[in-house]
């Protein structure tokens, strides 16, 4: 499993960027599979709407790859 600090970096990129940078970060997180869910579930509780929304979307993709 990749370093959790890398997961934090990938997540921050997904929150802050758009276009190709966002898609690359999203894919890196999704490639981690279910082990990333606990991290994303924690981020869903953030008071920052963009962090919470991004975490919810990514968790949804992990739970149902057909989305």
C-alpha atoms as a PDB file:
ATOM      1  CA  UNK A   1       0.000   0.000   0.000  1.00  0.00           C
ATOM      2  CA  UNK A   2       1.227   3.472  -0.827  1.00  0.00           C
ATOM      3  CA  UNK A   3       2.170   5.955   1.848  1.00  0.00           C
ATOM      4  CA  UNK A   4      -0.824   7.641   3.517  1.00  0.00           C
ATOM      5  CA  UNK A   5       0.853  11.034   3.076  1.00  0.00           C
ATOM      6  CA  UNK A   6       0.597  10.387  -0.664  1.00  0.00           C
ATOM      7  CA  UNK A   7      -3.119   9.740  -0.223  1.00  0.00           C
ATOM      8  CA  UNK A   8      -3.459  13.089   1.537  1.00  0.00           C
ATOM      9  CA  UNK A   9      -1.575  14.780  -1.315  1.00  0.00           C
ATOM     10  CA  UNK A  10      -3.689  13.043  -3.949  1.00  0.00           C
ATOM     11  CA  UNK A  11      -6.861  14.012  -2.117  1.00  0.00           C
ATOM     12  CA  UNK A  12      -5.787  17.651  -1.774  1.00  0.00           C
ATOM     13  CA  UNK A  13      -5.054  17.716  -5.496  1.00  0.00           C
ATOM     14  CA  UNK A  14      -8.521  16.310  -6.224  1.00  0.00           C
ATOM     15  CA  UNK A  15     -10.067  19.039  -4.052  1.00  0.00           C
ATOM     16  CA  UNK A  16      -8.018  21.945  -5.404  1.00  0.00           C
ATOM     17  CA  UNK A  17      -7.500  21.131  -9.079  1.00  0.00           C
ATOM     18  CA  UNK A  18      -9.603  20.485 -12.157  1.00  0.00           C
ATOM     19  CA  UNK A  19      -9.148  18.915 -15.550  1.00  0.00           C
ATOM     20  CA  UNK A  20      -6.285  16.474 -16.056  1.00  0.00           C
ATOM     21  CA  UNK A  21      -4.750  17.124 -12.619  1.00  0.00           C
ATOM     22  CA  UNK A  22      -8.071  16.296 -10.932  1.00  0.00           C
ATOM     23  CA  UNK A  23      -8.605  13.199 -13.065  1.00  0.00           C
ATOM     24  CA  UNK A  24      -5.086  11.907 -12.318  1.00  0.00           C
ATOM     25  CA  UNK A  25      -5.550  12.437  -8.570  1.00  0.00           C
ATOM     26  CA  UNK A  26      -9.001  10.833  -8.656  1.00  0.00           C
ATOM     27  CA  UNK A  27      -7.659   7.803 -10.495  1.00  0.00           C
ATOM     28  CA  UNK A  28      -4.740   7.439  -8.076  1.00  0.00           C
ATOM     29  CA  UNK A  29      -7.185   7.411  -5.162  1.00  0.00           C
ATOM     30  CA  UNK A  30      -9.532   4.974  -6.880  1.00  0.00           C
ATOM     31  CA  UNK A  31      -6.594   2.689  -7.712  1.00  0.00           C
ATOM     32  CA  UNK A  32      -6.001   2.324  -3.961  1.00  0.00           C
ATOM     33  CA  UNK A  33      -9.350   0.559  -3.694  1.00  0.00           C
ATOM     34  CA  UNK A  34     -11.198  -0.064  -0.454  1.00  0.00           C
ATOM     35  CA  UNK A  35      -8.263   0.814   1.822  1.00  0.00           C
ATOM     36  CA  UNK A  36      -8.881   4.476   0.886  1.00  0.00           C
ATOM     37  CA  UNK A  37     -12.483   4.358   2.167  1.00  0.00           C
ATOM     38  CA  UNK A  38     -11.661   4.964   5.834  1.00  0.00           C
ATOM     39  CA  UNK A  39      -9.692   8.069   4.862  1.00  0.00           C
ATOM     40  CA  UNK A  40     -12.511   9.324   2.640  1.00  0.00           C
ATOM     41  CA  UNK A  41     -15.161   8.651   5.273  1.00  0.00           C
ATOM     42  CA  UNK A  42     -13.166  10.768   7.722  1.00  0.00           C
ATOM     43  CA  UNK A  43     -12.896  13.568   5.157  1.00  0.00           C
ATOM     44  CA  UNK A  44     -16.676  13.448   4.603  1.00  0.00           C
ATOM     45  CA  UNK A  45     -17.109  14.885   8.104  1.00  0.00           C
ATOM     46  CA  UNK A  46     -15.163  18.041   7.232  1.00  0.00           C
ATOM     47  CA  UNK A  47     -16.899  21.367   7.786  1.00  0.00           C
ATOM     48  CA  UNK A  48     -15.403  22.505   4.463  1.00  0.00           C
ATOM     49  CA  UNK A  49     -18.082  21.730   1.885  1.00  0.00           C
ATOM     50  CA  UNK A  50     -15.633  21.153  -0.963  1.00  0.00           C
ATOM     51  CA  UNK A  51     -13.585  18.632   1.030  1.00  0.00           C
ATOM     52  CA  UNK A  52     -16.724  16.818   2.218  1.00  0.00           C
ATOM     53  CA  UNK A  53     -18.250  16.769  -1.265  1.00  0.00           C
ATOM     54  CA  UNK A  54     -15.068  15.536  -2.946  1.00  0.00           C
ATOM     55  CA  UNK A  55     -14.696  12.799  -0.336  1.00  0.00           C
ATOM     56  CA  UNK A  56     -18.327  11.745  -0.811  1.00  0.00           C
ATOM     57  CA  UNK A  57     -17.958  11.587  -4.579  1.00  0.00           C
ATOM     58  CA  UNK A  58     -14.739   9.581  -4.421  1.00  0.00           C
ATOM     59  CA  UNK A  59     -16.174   7.196  -1.829  1.00  0.00           C
ATOM     60  CA  UNK A  60     -19.193   6.688  -4.075  1.00  0.00           C
ATOM     61  CA  UNK A  61     -16.946   5.834  -7.007  1.00  0.00           C
ATOM     62  CA  UNK A  62     -15.018   3.353  -4.862  1.00  0.00           C
ATOM     63  CA  UNK A  63     -18.197   1.668  -3.684  1.00  0.00           C
ATOM     64  CA  UNK A  64     -19.754   1.528  -7.157  1.00  0.00           C
ATOM     65  CA  UNK A  65     -17.196   1.659  -9.957  1.00  0.00           C
ATOM     66  CA  UNK A  66     -19.986   1.775 -12.562  1.00  0.00           C
ATOM     67  CA  UNK A  67     -20.886   5.373 -11.641  1.00  0.00           C
END
